Amino acid sequence: MSSSIGPVPAGAQTPTGAAKPARKLLIRTWGCQMNVYDSGRMADILAPLGYAPTESAEEADMVILNTCHIREKASEKVFSDLGRLRETKKARAAEGRQTVIAVAGCVAQAEGTEITARAPWVDIVLGPQTYHRLPEMVARASRAAGAVIETDFPAEDKFDHLPEARATQGPVAFLTIQEGCDKFCSFCVVPYTRGAEFSRPPEAIIAEARQLAAGGAREIALLGQNVNAWAGEAQSGAKWRLARLLRELAEIPGVARLRYTTSHPRDMDDDLIAAHGDIPALMPYLHLPVQSGSDRVLAAMNRGHKADLYLRLADRLREARPDIALTSDFIVGHPGETAADFDATMRLVERVGFAGAYSFKYSARPGTPAAGQPNAVPEAEKDARLQTLQGVLRQQQDGFNRACVGRVVDVLITGMGRHPGQVAGRSPWLQPVHATGAAPVGAVVPMQLRAAHPNSLSATMAHQESAAA
């Protein structure tokens, strides 16, 4: 590999005085918003080395695949993409251009050396806890033959080694406050790929939030594998919980909206429930995965809660914030799930009423406890149960959207609509909204919701309604 890859900033002067052209960086991201956040921070880290973003693999001097291990056949999809990148790398090499290929994220953490064994043209493999070391890895890859593999869980906090975010994320910004998981659900790889639960200190979070707001963010979404388990230690030694952090963030000038995801029912404490009624900036929306309505299956999943706890949480959240929209995750066909267990899930769905949900068939993840459990549910039965569940969830989502029609709500403008003269934005319940008219990106505009469509709501701006009246 060429030794030309090194810490030379874009536009820096070479010894001859000529400006060195910027290198091009392509990052492909799969999975959750935490991966999106991580990809942004990797771009920030590599910018001082002269890497500028591109969308073209043919232009890219470095390609990072930031992977997710949650979905089925995640590894196969990564290796399929790597196969295509191999040909691109060969074609660029024939033209005298070098290409660094890196695999990051949870597949990298889980697969490790298997990636370079199957795809020896990969130069760097790094887990989600080590990307702050990317400049060092790039330098090592440029000097050495063979791949650089970094999948340890380092003792140092990676957030202490990250540069300040360089690029604004726009009117909606994501901010990781917590990583890892100590829950060890039987079906999940996150504890093995992201490590133990870690909470960033409140001062660091508040400082980053202020920077995001100064860069134009009006809505900040706090991220974590178990975000409501966040327990940051302040410089004073005091332990903060999420409700206190939300109250502090709501006071930052420019921050109009706050959200957090993803939560665990076991970590919904009294203060956090109350915060949904007390903090106007905290949007009336909560993603709270339940996975199953059967206590027997929840125990097999090692979820640590029963269906009744979830139902009581839903009631208490609606007491605190009557207009709150609840969404959730469901897995059907976990090993040993019976027809009676599935019926219990359907009863919970009918009892709660969800504004949206993600639902999946169980698929085994190597190394997880559930992967070795007996009594696998036949695929045909999993298919049938999933279709039944999704049919009811779609009806509930459609019903929630239709119930919003006629209301005047604040919509955060996030960009232009699909048609000329349209703007697009998000409702307080995270629904996509489009309306005819003009408004700047980042504005919060009162709109009357006029119609519900399969994937969005149409609206008119409230001032237009007043003028027509």
Protein backbone atom coordinates (compact mmCIF):
# COMPACT_ATOMS: atom_id res chain seq x y z
CA MET A 1 0.00 0.00 0.00
CA SER A 2 1.18 3.47 -0.79
CA SER A 3 2.88 5.37 1.99
CA SER A 4 1.34 8.58 0.70
CA ILE A 5 -1.59 8.14 3.07
CA GLY A 6 -0.81 10.27 6.08
CA PRO A 7 -1.76 13.34 8.09
CA VAL A 8 -1.63 15.96 5.34
CA PRO A 9 -4.60 18.37 5.54
CA ALA A 10 -6.61 19.19 2.46
CA GLY A 11 -5.00 22.05 0.62
CA ALA A 12 -1.75 21.76 2.57
CA GLN A 13 1.47 22.72 0.81
CA THR A 14 3.76 19.97 -0.36
CA PRO A 15 7.56 20.52 -0.23
CA THR A 16 7.39 21.87 -3.78
CA GLY A 17 4.78 24.42 -2.73
CA ALA A 18 1.92 22.89 -4.74
CA ALA A 19 -1.40 22.41 -2.99
CA LYS A 20 -2.07 18.73 -2.33
CA PRO A 21 -5.55 17.77 -3.56
CA ALA A 22 -8.06 16.59 -0.99
CA ARG A 23 -8.52 12.88 -0.61
CA LYS A 24 -12.04 11.56 -1.00
CA LEU A 25 -13.88 9.62 1.70
CA LEU A 26 -16.99 7.46 1.26
CA ILE A 27 -18.78 6.17 4.36
CA ARG A 28 -21.65 3.73 3.90
CA THR A 29 -23.79 3.35 6.99
CA TRP A 30 -26.21 0.61 8.00
CA GLY A 31 -28.39 0.31 11.07
CA CYS A 32 -29.39 2.60 13.88
CA GLN A 33 -28.99 6.34 14.39
CA MET A 34 -26.03 5.63 16.65
CA ASN A 35 -24.22 4.31 13.59
CA VAL A 36 -25.20 7.47 11.72
CA TYR A 37 -23.70 9.50 14.58
CA ASP A 38 -20.55 7.37 14.56
CA SER A 39 -20.15 7.83 10.80
CA GLY A 40 -20.32 11.59 11.23
CA ARG A 41 -17.66 11.51 13.92
CA MET A 42 -15.38 9.32 11.78
CA ALA A 43 -15.66 11.92 9.03
CA ASP A 44 -14.72 14.61 11.57
CA ILE A 45 -11.69 12.59 12.69
CA LEU A 46 -10.45 12.06 9.13
CA ALA A 47 -10.99 15.64 7.93
CA PRO A 48 -7.62 16.87 9.30
CA LEU A 49 -5.95 14.12 7.25
CA GLY A 50 -7.31 15.75 4.12
CA TYR A 51 -10.37 13.56 3.52
CA ALA A 52 -13.42 15.24 1.98
CA PRO A 53 -16.75 13.43 1.47
CA THR A 54 -17.84 11.79 -1.76
CA GLU A 55 -20.78 9.59 -2.76
CA SER A 56 -18.81 7.70 -5.41
CA ALA A 57 -16.76 4.58 -4.66
CA GLU A 58 -14.82 5.18 -7.88
CA GLU A 59 -13.68 8.58 -6.54
CA ALA A 60 -12.99 7.45 -2.99
CA ASP A 61 -9.44 7.15 -1.68
CA MET A 62 -10.92 5.59 1.45
CA VAL A 63 -14.16 3.66 1.90
CA ILE A 64 -15.59 2.85 5.32
CA LEU A 65 -18.45 0.37 5.69
CA ASN A 66 -20.06 1.18 9.05
CA THR A 67 -21.99 -1.97 9.77
CA CYS A 68 -24.86 -3.21 11.91
CA HIS A 69 -25.23 -6.76 13.23
CA ILE A 70 -28.87 -6.53 14.32
CA ARG A 71 -30.60 -7.43 11.09
CA GLU A 72 -30.66 -10.85 9.48
CA LYS A 73 -27.83 -11.75 7.10
CA ALA A 74 -25.91 -8.62 8.09
CA SER A 75 -22.52 -10.25 7.46
CA GLU A 76 -23.53 -11.53 4.04
CA LYS A 77 -24.56 -8.04 2.97
CA VAL A 78 -21.21 -6.64 4.08
CA PHE A 79 -19.23 -9.28 2.18
CA SER A 80 -21.36 -8.69 -0.89
CA ASP A 81 -20.48 -4.99 -0.78
CA LEU A 82 -16.84 -5.83 -0.16
CA GLY A 83 -16.85 -7.99 -3.30
CA ARG A 84 -17.91 -5.01 -5.37
CA LEU A 85 -15.35 -2.78 -3.67
CA ARG A 86 -12.61 -5.28 -4.52
CA GLU A 87 -13.23 -4.69 -8.20
CA THR A 88 -13.28 -0.93 -7.68
CA LYS A 89 -10.01 -1.11 -5.77
CA LYS A 90 -8.39 -3.16 -8.56
CA ALA A 91 -9.59 -0.73 -11.24
CA ARG A 92 -8.27 2.28 -9.32
CA ALA A 93 -4.93 0.49 -8.70
CA ALA A 94 -4.58 -0.05 -12.45
CA GLU A 95 -4.79 3.74 -12.81
CA GLY A 96 -2.17 4.28 -10.11
CA ARG A 97 -4.70 5.29 -7.44
CA GLN A 98 -4.68 3.67 -4.02
CA THR A 99 -7.82 2.81 -2.04
CA VAL A 100 -8.08 2.14 1.69
CA ILE A 101 -11.03 -0.10 2.62
CA ALA A 102 -12.18 -0.21 6.24
CA VAL A 103 -14.96 -2.18 7.91
CA ALA A 104 -16.29 -0.56 11.08
CA GLY A 105 -19.16 -1.09 13.47
CA CYS A 106 -20.81 -4.14 14.98
CA VAL A 107 -20.11 -6.67 12.19
CA ALA A 108 -16.44 -5.69 12.42
CA GLN A 109 -16.54 -6.20 16.17
CA ALA A 110 -18.26 -9.58 15.90
CA GLU A 111 -16.36 -10.98 12.90
CA GLY A 112 -12.87 -9.55 13.51
CA THR A 113 -10.21 -11.52 11.65
CA GLU A 114 -12.86 -13.47 9.76
CA ILE A 115 -13.37 -10.35 7.63
CA THR A 116 -9.75 -10.18 6.49
CA ALA A 117 -9.63 -13.95 6.02
CA ARG A 118 -12.58 -13.81 3.62
CA ALA A 119 -11.72 -10.41 2.15
CA PRO A 120 -7.94 -9.90 2.30
CA TRP A 121 -8.24 -6.67 0.33
CA VAL A 122 -9.70 -5.02 3.46
CA ASP A 123 -7.08 -2.77 5.07
CA ILE A 124 -8.67 -1.82 8.42
CA VAL A 125 -11.16 -3.55 10.71
CA LEU A 126 -12.31 -1.51 13.69
CA GLY A 127 -14.97 -1.92 16.34
CA PRO A 128 -17.36 0.84 17.44
CA GLN A 129 -15.28 1.63 20.54
CA THR A 130 -12.04 2.30 18.65
CA TYR A 131 -12.83 4.71 15.83
CA HIS A 132 -11.15 7.58 17.69
CA ARG A 133 -7.92 5.78 16.71
CA LEU A 134 -8.59 6.01 12.98
CA PRO A 135 -5.72 8.41 12.15
CA GLU A 136 -3.27 6.00 13.79
CA MET A 137 -4.83 3.04 11.96
CA VAL A 138 -4.59 4.81 8.60
CA ALA A 139 -0.93 5.58 9.24
CA ARG A 140 -0.25 1.97 10.29
CA ALA A 141 -2.07 0.62 7.25
CA SER A 142 0.05 2.85 5.00
CA ARG A 143 3.29 1.50 6.50
CA ALA A 144 2.54 -2.19 6.96
CA ALA A 145 1.62 -5.10 4.75
CA GLY A 146 -1.56 -6.73 5.93
CA ALA A 147 -4.65 -5.46 7.67
CA VAL A 148 -4.92 -3.37 10.82
CA ILE A 149 -7.47 -4.87 13.20
CA GLU A 150 -8.72 -2.95 16.26
CA THR A 151 -11.65 -4.66 17.97
CA ASP A 152 -10.63 -4.43 21.62
CA PHE A 153 -12.64 -2.53 24.18
CA PRO A 154 -10.09 0.15 25.15
CA ALA A 155 -9.77 1.36 28.71
CA GLU A 156 -9.89 5.01 27.68
CA ASP A 157 -13.14 6.77 26.84
CA LYS A 158 -13.25 7.28 23.10
CA PHE A 159 -15.31 10.47 23.56
CA ASP A 160 -12.34 12.07 25.34
CA HIS A 161 -10.28 11.66 22.16
CA LEU A 162 -12.76 12.89 19.56
CA PRO A 163 -12.41 16.31 17.94
CA GLU A 164 -15.25 18.77 18.02
CA ALA A 165 -17.86 18.03 15.41
CA ARG A 166 -17.01 20.02 12.29
CA ALA A 167 -20.14 19.91 10.17
CA THR A 168 -23.61 20.89 11.28
CA GLN A 169 -26.16 18.10 11.07
CA GLY A 170 -28.93 20.47 10.03
CA PRO A 171 -32.07 21.31 11.99
CA VAL A 172 -32.20 17.80 13.52
CA ALA A 173 -29.04 16.60 15.26
CA PHE A 174 -28.18 13.31 16.91
CA LEU A 175 -26.07 13.17 20.06
CA THR A 176 -24.81 9.95 21.60
CA ILE A 177 -24.91 10.09 25.39
CA GLN A 178 -24.75 6.38 26.28
CA GLU A 179 -23.28 3.27 24.72
CA GLY A 180 -23.31 -0.44 25.41
CA CYS A 181 -25.73 -2.69 27.21
CA ASP A 182 -25.74 -4.73 30.42
CA LYS A 183 -29.14 -6.35 29.83
CA PHE A 184 -28.03 -9.39 27.79
CA CYS A 185 -31.33 -10.14 26.10
CA SER A 186 -31.12 -13.68 24.75
CA PHE A 187 -31.55 -12.66 21.11
CA CYS A 188 -29.24 -9.63 21.01
CA VAL A 189 -25.59 -9.16 20.05
CA VAL A 190 -25.23 -5.58 21.34
CA PRO A 191 -23.53 -6.44 24.67
CA TYR A 192 -20.90 -8.36 22.71
CA THR A 193 -20.35 -5.77 19.98
CA ARG A 194 -20.79 -2.51 21.91
CA GLY A 195 -19.60 -3.62 25.35
CA ALA A 196 -20.83 -2.68 28.81
CA GLU A 197 -23.06 0.30 29.49
CA PHE A 198 -21.14 3.56 29.54
CA SER A 199 -22.57 7.02 30.24
CA ARG A 200 -20.89 10.19 29.07
CA PRO A 201 -20.53 12.94 31.71
CA PRO A 202 -23.23 15.63 31.63
CA GLU A 203 -20.82 18.51 31.06
CA ALA A 204 -19.52 16.93 27.84
CA ILE A 205 -23.04 16.29 26.58
CA ILE A 206 -24.22 19.81 27.35
CA ALA A 207 -21.14 21.30 25.66
CA GLU A 208 -21.75 19.25 22.50
CA ALA A 209 -25.45 20.17 22.54
CA ARG A 210 -24.57 23.86 22.74
CA GLN A 211 -22.25 23.44 19.78
CA LEU A 212 -25.00 21.68 17.79
CA ALA A 213 -27.47 24.44 18.62
CA ALA A 214 -24.96 27.09 17.59
CA GLY A 215 -24.62 25.24 14.28
CA GLY A 216 -28.35 25.46 13.60
CA ALA A 217 -29.82 22.40 15.29
CA ARG A 218 -33.34 23.04 16.55
CA GLU A 219 -34.08 19.46 17.58
CA ILE A 220 -31.62 17.23 19.41
CA ALA A 221 -32.18 13.49 19.65
CA LEU A 222 -30.23 11.78 22.42
CA LEU A 223 -28.97 8.33 21.46
CA GLY A 224 -27.98 5.21 23.35
CA GLN A 225 -28.39 1.46 23.22
CA ASN A 226 -30.22 1.90 26.52
CA VAL A 227 -30.46 5.66 26.56
CA ASN A 228 -32.71 5.89 29.61
CA ALA A 229 -30.14 3.90 31.59
CA TRP A 230 -27.86 6.93 31.25
CA ALA A 231 -26.33 7.85 34.61
CA GLY A 232 -23.62 10.42 34.00
CA GLU A 233 -21.22 11.46 36.72
CA ALA A 234 -20.76 15.22 36.92
CA GLN A 235 -17.46 16.88 37.77
CA SER A 236 -18.83 17.43 41.28
CA GLY A 237 -19.18 13.68 41.69
CA ALA A 238 -22.98 13.83 41.59
CA LYS A 239 -24.82 11.24 39.53
CA TRP A 240 -27.32 12.60 37.04
CA ARG A 241 -30.20 10.71 35.50
CA LEU A 242 -31.81 11.38 32.15
CA ALA A 243 -34.63 13.60 33.43
CA ARG A 244 -32.16 16.08 34.92
CA LEU A 245 -30.12 16.11 31.72
CA LEU A 246 -33.22 16.80 29.63
CA ARG A 247 -34.15 19.73 31.86
CA GLU A 248 -30.68 21.24 31.40
CA LEU A 249 -30.68 20.72 27.63
CA ALA A 250 -34.10 22.35 27.33
CA GLU A 251 -32.56 25.60 28.62
CA ILE A 252 -30.01 25.86 25.79
CA PRO A 253 -30.86 28.80 23.50
CA GLY A 254 -32.08 27.62 20.13
CA VAL A 255 -33.10 24.13 21.22
CA ALA A 256 -36.81 23.84 20.49
CA ARG A 257 -37.21 20.08 20.65
CA LEU A 258 -35.72 17.12 22.50
CA ARG A 259 -36.12 13.38 21.96
CA TYR A 260 -34.34 10.25 23.16
CA THR A 261 -34.05 6.69 21.86
CA THR A 262 -33.87 3.73 22.43
CA SER A 263 -35.26 3.01 25.88
CA HIS A 264 -35.75 -0.07 28.04
CA PRO A 265 -38.87 -0.48 30.20
CA ARG A 266 -36.74 -1.36 33.24
CA ASP A 267 -35.10 2.09 33.14
CA MET A 268 -38.23 4.28 32.96
CA ASP A 269 -37.99 5.92 36.40
CA ASP A 270 -40.52 8.25 38.02
CA ASP A 271 -38.59 11.45 37.22
CA LEU A 272 -38.32 10.55 33.56
CA ILE A 273 -42.04 9.82 33.30
CA ALA A 274 -42.79 13.14 34.99
CA ALA A 275 -40.41 14.94 32.61
CA HIS A 276 -42.73 14.10 29.72
CA GLY A 277 -45.36 16.28 31.33
CA ASP A 278 -43.04 18.98 32.68
CA ILE A 279 -40.67 19.82 29.81
CA PRO A 280 -42.38 21.50 26.84
CA ALA A 281 -39.37 20.87 24.59
CA LEU A 282 -39.54 17.11 25.20
CA MET A 283 -41.65 15.89 22.32
CA PRO A 284 -44.74 13.75 22.95
CA TYR A 285 -43.15 10.69 21.41
CA LEU A 286 -41.44 7.68 22.99
CA HIS A 287 -40.00 4.55 21.43
CA LEU A 288 -40.21 1.91 24.17
CA PRO A 289 -39.53 -1.64 22.95
CA VAL A 290 -41.50 -4.44 24.59
CA GLN A 291 -40.63 -7.33 22.18
CA SER A 292 -43.43 -9.64 23.40
CA GLY A 293 -46.64 -9.58 25.41
CA SER A 294 -46.06 -13.03 26.91
CA ASP A 295 -44.41 -13.19 30.32
CA ARG A 296 -43.08 -16.65 29.48
CA VAL A 297 -41.39 -15.40 26.31
CA LEU A 298 -40.14 -12.23 28.04
CA ALA A 299 -38.46 -14.47 30.62
CA ALA A 300 -36.92 -16.60 27.84
CA MET A 301 -35.70 -13.38 26.23
CA ASN A 302 -34.16 -12.30 29.56
CA ARG A 303 -35.93 -8.96 29.27
CA GLY A 304 -36.23 -8.57 33.04
CA HIS A 305 -39.79 -7.19 32.96
CA LYS A 306 -43.30 -8.54 32.59
CA ALA A 307 -46.12 -7.41 30.35
CA ASP A 308 -47.95 -5.82 33.28
CA LEU A 309 -45.03 -3.47 33.96
CA TYR A 310 -45.14 -2.31 30.35
CA LEU A 311 -48.89 -1.72 30.52
CA ARG A 312 -48.53 0.30 33.72
CA LEU A 313 -45.75 2.36 32.17
CA ALA A 314 -47.94 3.13 29.16
CA ASP A 315 -50.75 4.27 31.45
CA ARG A 316 -48.46 6.46 33.56
CA LEU A 317 -46.85 8.05 30.52
CA ARG A 318 -50.28 8.94 29.15
CA GLU A 319 -51.28 10.39 32.49
CA ALA A 320 -48.18 12.60 32.41
CA ARG A 321 -48.57 13.51 28.71
CA PRO A 322 -52.02 12.60 27.32
CA ASP A 323 -51.02 13.23 23.68
CA ILE A 324 -47.90 11.04 23.79
CA ALA A 325 -47.34 8.67 20.86
CA LEU A 326 -45.89 5.31 21.86
CA THR A 327 -43.97 3.14 19.43
CA SER A 328 -42.29 -0.19 20.06
CA ASP A 329 -40.33 -3.21 18.80
CA PHE A 330 -41.66 -6.76 18.50
CA ILE A 331 -40.02 -10.10 17.77
CA VAL A 332 -42.28 -12.98 16.78
CA GLY A 333 -41.25 -16.62 16.78
CA HIS A 334 -38.65 -16.53 19.53
CA PRO A 335 -37.65 -20.15 20.28
CA GLY A 336 -40.46 -21.79 22.25
CA GLU A 337 -43.09 -19.16 21.46
CA THR A 338 -46.49 -20.86 21.32
CA ALA A 339 -49.75 -19.75 19.77
CA ALA A 340 -50.92 -18.74 23.26
CA ASP A 341 -47.78 -16.61 23.72
CA PHE A 342 -48.44 -14.87 20.42
CA ASP A 343 -52.03 -14.25 21.45
CA ALA A 344 -50.70 -12.53 24.59
CA THR A 345 -48.64 -10.21 22.36
CA MET A 346 -51.72 -9.38 20.31
CA ARG A 347 -53.68 -8.57 23.49
CA LEU A 348 -50.93 -6.21 24.63
CA VAL A 349 -50.94 -4.47 21.24
CA GLU A 350 -54.72 -4.01 21.37
CA ARG A 351 -54.52 -2.77 24.96
CA VAL A 352 -51.75 -0.19 24.40
CA GLY A 353 -52.49 1.10 20.90
CA PHE A 354 -49.27 2.09 19.12
CA ALA A 355 -48.59 5.01 16.80
CA GLY A 356 -45.97 2.89 15.03
CA ALA A 357 -43.76 -0.13 15.53
CA TYR A 358 -40.92 -2.20 14.15
CA SER A 359 -41.67 -5.91 14.01
CA PHE A 360 -39.48 -8.80 12.92
CA LYS A 361 -39.29 -12.56 12.76
CA TYR A 362 -36.78 -14.04 15.18
CA SER A 363 -33.49 -14.94 13.51
CA ALA A 364 -30.59 -16.51 15.34
CA ARG A 365 -27.46 -14.45 16.01
CA PRO A 366 -24.34 -16.59 16.47
CA GLY A 367 -23.05 -16.47 20.02
CA THR A 368 -26.31 -15.34 21.62
CA PRO A 369 -28.08 -17.60 24.17
CA ALA A 370 -31.25 -17.89 22.08
CA ALA A 371 -29.31 -19.27 19.13
CA GLY A 372 -28.89 -22.56 20.97
CA GLN A 373 -32.37 -22.84 22.42
CA PRO A 374 -34.61 -25.73 21.34
CA ASN A 375 -38.20 -25.59 20.07
CA ALA A 376 -37.59 -23.39 17.06
CA VAL A 377 -40.80 -21.99 15.57
CA PRO A 378 -41.30 -23.09 11.94
CA GLU A 379 -40.66 -20.35 9.37
CA ALA A 380 -44.18 -20.62 7.96
CA GLU A 381 -45.63 -20.03 11.42
CA LYS A 382 -43.33 -17.07 12.02
CA ASP A 383 -44.40 -15.61 8.68
CA ALA A 384 -48.08 -15.98 9.52
CA ARG A 385 -47.70 -14.45 12.98
CA LEU A 386 -45.70 -11.53 11.65
CA GLN A 387 -48.29 -10.75 8.99
CA THR A 388 -51.07 -10.85 11.59
CA LEU A 389 -49.16 -8.57 13.96
CA GLN A 390 -48.15 -6.12 11.26
CA GLY A 391 -51.71 -5.91 9.98
CA VAL A 392 -52.95 -4.73 13.37
CA LEU A 393 -49.99 -2.39 13.88
CA ARG A 394 -50.62 -0.78 10.49
CA GLN A 395 -54.27 -0.24 11.41
CA GLN A 396 -53.23 1.40 14.67
CA GLN A 397 -50.69 3.65 12.93
CA ASP A 398 -53.24 4.67 10.30
CA GLY A 399 -55.77 5.36 13.04
CA PHE A 400 -53.31 7.52 14.96
CA ASN A 401 -52.47 9.53 11.84
CA ARG A 402 -56.13 10.04 10.94
CA ALA A 403 -56.85 11.20 14.49
CA CYS A 404 -54.28 13.97 14.01
CA VAL A 405 -56.13 15.44 11.03
CA GLY A 406 -57.67 18.81 11.83
CA ARG A 407 -55.22 19.65 14.60
CA VAL A 408 -52.97 22.69 14.50
CA VAL A 409 -49.47 21.63 15.50
CA ASP A 410 -45.94 22.99 15.33
CA VAL A 411 -43.96 21.50 12.45
CA LEU A 412 -40.16 21.70 12.32
CA ILE A 413 -39.12 22.51 8.74
CA THR A 414 -36.35 20.12 7.66
CA GLY A 415 -36.14 20.82 3.92
CA MET A 416 -37.98 21.22 0.65
CA GLY A 417 -40.88 19.01 -0.30
CA ARG A 418 -40.96 16.59 -3.22
CA HIS A 419 -42.99 18.98 -5.35
CA PRO A 420 -42.28 22.60 -6.34
CA GLY A 421 -43.46 25.12 -3.77
CA GLN A 422 -43.57 22.56 -0.95
CA VAL A 423 -41.76 22.41 2.36
CA ALA A 424 -41.23 19.26 4.40
CA GLY A 425 -40.94 18.80 8.11
CA ARG A 426 -41.74 16.71 11.16
CA SER A 427 -44.66 16.86 13.54
CA PRO A 428 -44.18 16.60 17.31
CA TRP A 429 -44.98 12.87 16.88
CA LEU A 430 -42.18 12.44 14.31
CA GLN A 431 -44.55 12.09 11.37
CA PRO A 432 -43.37 13.44 8.01
CA VAL A 433 -45.43 16.51 7.05
CA HIS A 434 -45.54 18.39 3.74
CA ALA A 435 -47.24 21.69 2.98
CA THR A 436 -47.42 24.24 0.20
CA GLY A 437 -45.71 27.49 1.09
CA ALA A 438 -42.38 28.97 2.06
CA ALA A 439 -40.52 28.70 5.37
CA PRO A 440 -36.82 28.54 6.20
CA VAL A 441 -35.20 25.28 7.21
CA GLY A 442 -35.10 25.13 10.99
CA ALA A 443 -38.25 27.20 11.49
CA VAL A 444 -41.00 25.82 13.70
CA VAL A 445 -44.23 26.66 11.90
CA PRO A 446 -47.82 26.18 13.10
CA MET A 447 -49.71 24.05 10.59
CA GLN A 448 -53.14 22.55 10.34
CA LEU A 449 -52.96 18.87 9.44
CA ARG A 450 -55.34 18.31 6.54
CA ALA A 451 -55.01 14.69 5.41
CA ALA A 452 -53.31 11.44 6.36
CA HIS A 453 -51.45 9.47 3.70
CA PRO A 454 -49.73 6.06 3.97
CA ASN A 455 -46.34 7.54 4.93
CA SER A 456 -46.97 11.21 5.67
CA LEU A 457 -49.43 13.98 6.50
CA SER A 458 -50.33 16.96 4.35
CA ALA A 459 -50.95 20.32 5.96
CA THR A 460 -51.56 23.98 5.37
CA MET A 461 -49.74 26.73 7.21
CA ALA A 462 -51.85 28.21 9.97
CA HIS A 463 -51.37 31.79 8.73
CA GLN A 464 -52.83 30.73 5.37
CA GLU A 465 -55.85 29.32 7.16
CA SER A 466 -56.31 32.59 9.03
CA ALA A 467 -56.03 34.65 5.82
CA ALA A 468 -58.60 32.44 4.08
CA ALA A 469 -61.04 32.86 6.97
